[in-house]
Amino acid sequence: MKSIEGDRNSLAIAMSDPTELLRWWHQHQAQMLLQETDFLRNGVLQEIIAIRRRLEVSCPLRPTAEHPACEPHLADLSRLYSLLENFCDRLQSPFSPDSLPLALQHTLQPWQERLHLQTRFPATWQPEPLEQTQLLVLLMKALLPILAETAPALQATTLSLSEANHLKTLVLTGQYAPVLEPALTTRIEQTVQPFLDTFCLFTEAISEVMFQTEGFFLKLRWHSPSATPESDYPHADPSP
């Protein structure tokens, strides 16, 4: 049997690279969150549905003083179900394990009207590692409230995903009228940069954030897992 000290030494050797340790931590967090939301969606929410069905079956057709109406209890169960379902969606999009475009679309939905947001997503997309999808979803969750609640108001916002020759590209643009204030520029940059830096650390991606008087432009490019070697990675280019 291996000693605890031996296991610790093995872990220290395996996790000697800080980048790999950080990647492991994000993978661990994403998987734990997935397990908890799956427990709520497939356990607690399904149990609420079962309780509601049993209550519906047992409800008297004509309520009496001895057997009061069940409608208030059914309504309470429906409200509880909606609250827990929304809580699950806030914890993690149900599409995160399978589809980055669908997970992003799910995250953007509450903000689309306020931000005049248009999306351009492909019909198919190769699955991303869960921690990478989670990082991009969290980036949007952190940024969108700032864009929606800070003056001046956005006139138009676009978010697009594309892929060509195993190179994936995410582009987010925002147009303002009147001009984009310097304080907002700083706030946007401080919000997005930690997410972008972490994503680039995991994927050797290239990120660009550009600001002009009338708006901003964010681009993130990374190779899919089946991509060409690092030497073939394109250099950053300021064009949209």
Protein backbone atom coordinates (compact mmCIF):
# COMPACT_ATOMS: atom_id res chain seq x y z
CA MET A 1 0.00 0.00 0.00
CA LYS A 2 1.30 3.47 -0.89
CA SER A 3 1.91 5.88 1.95
CA ILE A 4 0.10 9.19 2.18
CA GLU A 5 3.45 10.91 1.89
CA GLY A 6 4.14 8.99 -1.32
CA ASP A 7 0.81 10.08 -2.78
CA ARG A 8 1.60 13.66 -1.89
CA ASN A 9 4.96 13.44 -3.62
CA SER A 10 3.32 11.99 -6.75
CA LEU A 11 0.78 14.79 -6.77
CA ALA A 12 3.54 17.36 -6.32
CA ILE A 13 5.40 15.94 -9.31
CA ALA A 14 2.27 15.73 -11.48
CA MET A 15 1.19 19.23 -10.52
CA SER A 16 4.61 20.90 -10.57
CA ASP A 17 3.55 23.07 -13.54
CA PRO A 18 1.48 26.02 -12.24
CA THR A 19 -0.43 26.20 -15.53
CA GLU A 20 -1.45 22.54 -15.30
CA LEU A 21 -2.43 23.01 -11.66
CA LEU A 22 -4.61 25.98 -12.58
CA ARG A 23 -6.16 24.03 -15.44
CA TRP A 24 -6.85 21.11 -13.09
CA TRP A 25 -8.51 23.46 -10.61
CA HIS A 26 -10.82 24.93 -13.26
CA GLN A 27 -11.65 21.44 -14.54
CA HIS A 28 -12.41 20.33 -11.00
CA GLN A 29 -14.63 23.33 -10.31
CA ALA A 30 -16.50 22.93 -13.61
CA GLN A 31 -17.08 19.21 -13.02
CA MET A 32 -18.24 19.77 -9.44
CA LEU A 33 -20.66 22.45 -10.60
CA LEU A 34 -21.94 20.12 -13.32
CA GLN A 35 -22.53 17.36 -10.78
CA GLU A 36 -24.42 19.67 -8.42
CA THR A 37 -26.65 21.10 -11.14
CA ASP A 38 -27.30 17.59 -12.49
CA PHE A 39 -28.34 16.54 -8.99
CA LEU A 40 -30.80 19.45 -8.82
CA ARG A 41 -32.16 18.99 -12.35
CA ASN A 42 -32.37 15.20 -12.33
CA GLY A 43 -33.09 14.73 -8.64
CA VAL A 44 -34.77 17.59 -6.82
CA LEU A 45 -36.72 19.01 -9.78
CA GLN A 46 -37.94 15.56 -10.80
CA GLU A 47 -39.06 14.90 -7.23
CA ILE A 48 -41.08 18.13 -7.26
CA ILE A 49 -42.78 16.99 -10.48
CA ALA A 50 -43.58 13.63 -8.87
CA ILE A 51 -45.02 15.30 -5.76
CA ARG A 52 -47.15 17.57 -7.93
CA ARG A 53 -48.53 14.61 -9.87
CA ARG A 54 -49.39 12.73 -6.67
CA LEU A 55 -51.10 15.82 -5.31
CA GLU A 56 -53.09 16.28 -8.51
CA VAL A 57 -54.27 12.66 -8.36
CA SER A 58 -55.29 12.93 -4.71
CA CYS A 59 -57.07 16.28 -5.04
CA PRO A 60 -60.84 15.99 -4.54
CA LEU A 61 -63.01 17.03 -7.44
CA ARG A 62 -65.22 18.98 -5.06
CA PRO A 63 -63.26 20.47 -2.13
CA THR A 64 -64.84 20.32 1.30
CA ALA A 65 -63.94 21.65 4.72
CA GLU A 66 -62.33 18.30 5.49
CA HIS A 67 -60.54 18.12 2.12
CA PRO A 68 -59.69 21.68 1.03
CA ALA A 69 -58.76 22.69 -2.50
CA CYS A 70 -55.28 21.75 -3.69
CA GLU A 71 -54.77 24.61 -6.15
CA PRO A 72 -52.77 26.82 -3.73
CA HIS A 73 -50.39 23.93 -2.99
CA LEU A 74 -49.99 23.15 -6.68
CA ALA A 75 -49.21 26.81 -7.34
CA ASP A 76 -46.62 26.79 -4.53
CA LEU A 77 -44.95 23.74 -6.06
CA SER A 78 -44.88 25.40 -9.48
CA ARG A 79 -43.22 28.49 -8.02
CA LEU A 80 -40.68 26.36 -6.16
CA TYR A 81 -39.92 24.45 -9.36
CA SER A 82 -39.38 27.69 -11.32
CA LEU A 83 -37.10 29.13 -8.63
CA LEU A 84 -34.93 26.01 -8.53
CA GLU A 85 -34.86 25.74 -12.32
CA ASN A 86 -33.68 29.36 -12.60
CA PHE A 87 -31.12 28.72 -9.89
CA CYS A 88 -29.74 25.74 -11.83
CA ASP A 89 -29.50 27.82 -15.00
CA ARG A 90 -27.63 30.55 -13.13
CA LEU A 91 -25.19 28.00 -11.71
CA GLN A 92 -24.52 26.42 -15.09
CA SER A 93 -26.18 26.48 -18.46
CA PRO A 94 -27.75 23.10 -19.31
CA PHE A 95 -25.93 23.34 -22.67
CA SER A 96 -22.41 23.86 -21.26
CA PRO A 97 -21.28 20.21 -21.49
CA ASP A 98 -22.37 19.84 -25.12
CA SER A 99 -22.40 23.12 -27.06
CA LEU A 100 -20.56 26.40 -26.62
CA PRO A 101 -22.92 28.28 -29.02
CA LEU A 102 -26.03 27.06 -27.18
CA ALA A 103 -24.49 27.80 -23.78
CA LEU A 104 -23.63 31.34 -24.88
CA GLN A 105 -27.07 31.84 -26.43
CA HIS A 106 -28.67 30.68 -23.20
CA THR A 107 -26.52 33.14 -21.22
CA LEU A 108 -27.21 36.04 -23.58
CA GLN A 109 -30.97 35.59 -23.77
CA PRO A 110 -31.95 37.85 -20.81
CA TRP A 111 -29.78 40.68 -22.18
CA GLN A 112 -30.50 40.57 -25.91
CA GLU A 113 -33.22 43.21 -26.00
CA ARG A 114 -31.49 45.64 -23.64
CA LEU A 115 -28.20 45.44 -25.54
CA HIS A 116 -29.70 45.30 -29.05
CA LEU A 117 -27.67 42.14 -29.30
CA GLN A 118 -27.34 40.13 -32.50
CA THR A 119 -25.63 36.74 -32.60
CA ARG A 120 -24.07 34.79 -35.44
CA PHE A 121 -23.43 31.21 -34.40
CA PRO A 122 -22.75 28.17 -36.60
CA ALA A 123 -25.23 25.30 -36.74
CA THR A 124 -22.60 22.80 -35.57
CA TRP A 125 -19.66 23.19 -33.22
CA GLN A 126 -17.06 20.78 -31.96
CA PRO A 127 -17.42 20.29 -28.18
CA GLU A 128 -15.10 22.33 -26.00
CA PRO A 129 -13.53 21.18 -22.73
CA LEU A 130 -16.06 22.03 -20.03
CA GLU A 131 -13.74 24.44 -18.21
CA GLN A 132 -13.20 26.45 -21.42
CA THR A 133 -16.92 26.79 -22.07
CA GLN A 134 -17.42 27.75 -18.44
CA LEU A 135 -14.78 30.48 -18.68
CA LEU A 136 -16.43 32.04 -21.73
CA VAL A 137 -19.89 31.85 -20.15
CA LEU A 138 -18.55 33.49 -16.97
CA LEU A 139 -16.90 36.18 -19.09
CA MET A 140 -20.29 37.04 -20.60
CA LYS A 141 -22.03 36.92 -17.22
CA ALA A 142 -19.49 39.39 -15.82
CA LEU A 143 -19.49 41.74 -18.82
CA LEU A 144 -23.14 41.90 -19.93
CA PRO A 145 -24.51 43.58 -16.77
CA ILE A 146 -21.84 46.28 -17.09
CA LEU A 147 -22.78 46.92 -20.72
CA ALA A 148 -26.49 46.97 -19.90
CA GLU A 149 -26.43 49.16 -16.82
CA THR A 150 -23.75 51.75 -17.58
CA ALA A 151 -24.32 54.96 -19.55
CA PRO A 152 -24.04 55.74 -22.40
CA ALA A 153 -26.41 53.10 -23.73
CA LEU A 154 -25.22 50.65 -26.34
CA GLN A 155 -26.65 51.23 -29.80
CA ALA A 156 -25.76 47.77 -31.12
CA THR A 157 -23.92 44.67 -29.95
CA THR A 158 -22.85 41.62 -31.92
CA LEU A 159 -21.39 38.31 -30.81
CA SER A 160 -20.19 35.78 -33.36
CA LEU A 161 -18.52 32.39 -33.40
CA SER A 162 -16.79 30.92 -36.43
CA GLU A 163 -14.36 28.16 -37.30
CA ALA A 164 -12.06 27.66 -40.28
CA ASN A 165 -9.18 25.17 -40.61
CA HIS A 166 -9.50 24.18 -36.92
CA LEU A 167 -9.15 27.83 -35.88
CA LYS A 168 -12.05 29.04 -33.73
CA THR A 169 -12.88 32.72 -33.40
CA LEU A 170 -15.14 34.59 -31.00
CA VAL A 171 -15.82 38.27 -31.74
CA LEU A 172 -17.78 40.68 -29.54
CA THR A 173 -18.38 44.27 -30.65
CA GLY A 174 -20.27 47.16 -29.07
CA GLN A 175 -21.24 50.49 -30.65
CA TYR A 176 -22.02 53.55 -28.56
CA ALA A 177 -23.63 56.91 -29.22
CA PRO A 178 -22.39 59.28 -27.96
CA VAL A 179 -18.77 58.32 -27.35
CA LEU A 180 -17.52 55.57 -25.08
CA GLU A 181 -16.39 57.15 -21.81
CA PRO A 182 -12.81 56.46 -20.60
CA ALA A 183 -14.10 55.25 -17.21
CA LEU A 184 -16.26 52.63 -18.93
CA THR A 185 -13.34 51.62 -21.14
CA THR A 186 -11.26 50.93 -18.04
CA ARG A 187 -14.08 49.00 -16.39
CA ILE A 188 -14.65 46.81 -19.44
CA GLU A 189 -10.95 46.08 -19.80
CA GLN A 190 -10.52 45.23 -16.12
CA THR A 191 -13.54 42.91 -16.31
CA VAL A 192 -12.63 40.94 -19.42
CA GLN A 193 -8.84 40.69 -19.14
CA PRO A 194 -8.59 38.12 -16.32
CA PHE A 195 -10.98 35.78 -18.17
CA LEU A 196 -9.12 36.25 -21.44
CA ASP A 197 -5.71 35.74 -19.82
CA THR A 198 -6.85 32.52 -18.15
CA PHE A 199 -8.42 31.22 -21.37
CA CYS A 200 -5.24 32.02 -23.30
CA LEU A 201 -3.17 30.25 -20.67
CA PHE A 202 -5.23 27.08 -21.10
CA THR A 203 -5.46 27.10 -24.88
CA GLU A 204 -2.52 29.18 -26.13
CA ALA A 205 -5.16 31.41 -27.65
CA ILE A 206 -4.70 34.94 -28.97
CA SER A 207 -6.90 37.71 -27.59
CA GLU A 208 -7.37 41.31 -28.65
CA VAL A 209 -9.33 44.08 -26.96
CA MET A 210 -9.52 47.38 -28.86
CA PHE A 211 -11.32 50.59 -27.91
CA GLN A 212 -12.35 53.48 -30.13
CA THR A 213 -14.35 56.59 -29.37
CA GLU A 214 -17.57 54.99 -30.59
CA GLY A 215 -17.19 51.45 -29.23
CA PHE A 216 -15.07 48.41 -28.50
CA PHE A 217 -13.94 45.25 -30.22
CA LEU A 218 -12.97 41.95 -28.57
CA LYS A 219 -11.55 38.98 -30.46
CA LEU A 220 -10.46 35.61 -29.14
CA ARG A 221 -8.93 32.92 -31.38
CA TRP A 222 -7.90 29.42 -30.43
CA HIS A 223 -7.24 26.05 -32.03
CA SER A 224 -9.59 23.11 -31.63
CA PRO A 225 -8.10 20.00 -29.95
CA SER A 226 -7.44 18.40 -33.35
CA ALA A 227 -5.66 21.50 -34.63
CA THR A 228 -2.25 21.83 -36.18
CA PRO A 229 0.88 22.16 -34.00
CA GLU A 230 1.70 25.34 -32.13
CA SER A 231 4.24 26.42 -34.78
CA ASP A 232 1.35 26.84 -37.22
CA TYR A 233 -0.58 29.15 -34.90
CA PRO A 234 -1.42 32.46 -36.61
CA HIS A 235 -0.06 35.73 -35.28
CA ALA A 236 -2.38 38.35 -33.83
CA ASP A 237 -3.85 40.72 -36.32
CA PRO A 238 -5.78 43.89 -35.47
CA SER A 239 -8.37 43.47 -38.20
CA PRO A 240 -11.91 42.32 -37.21
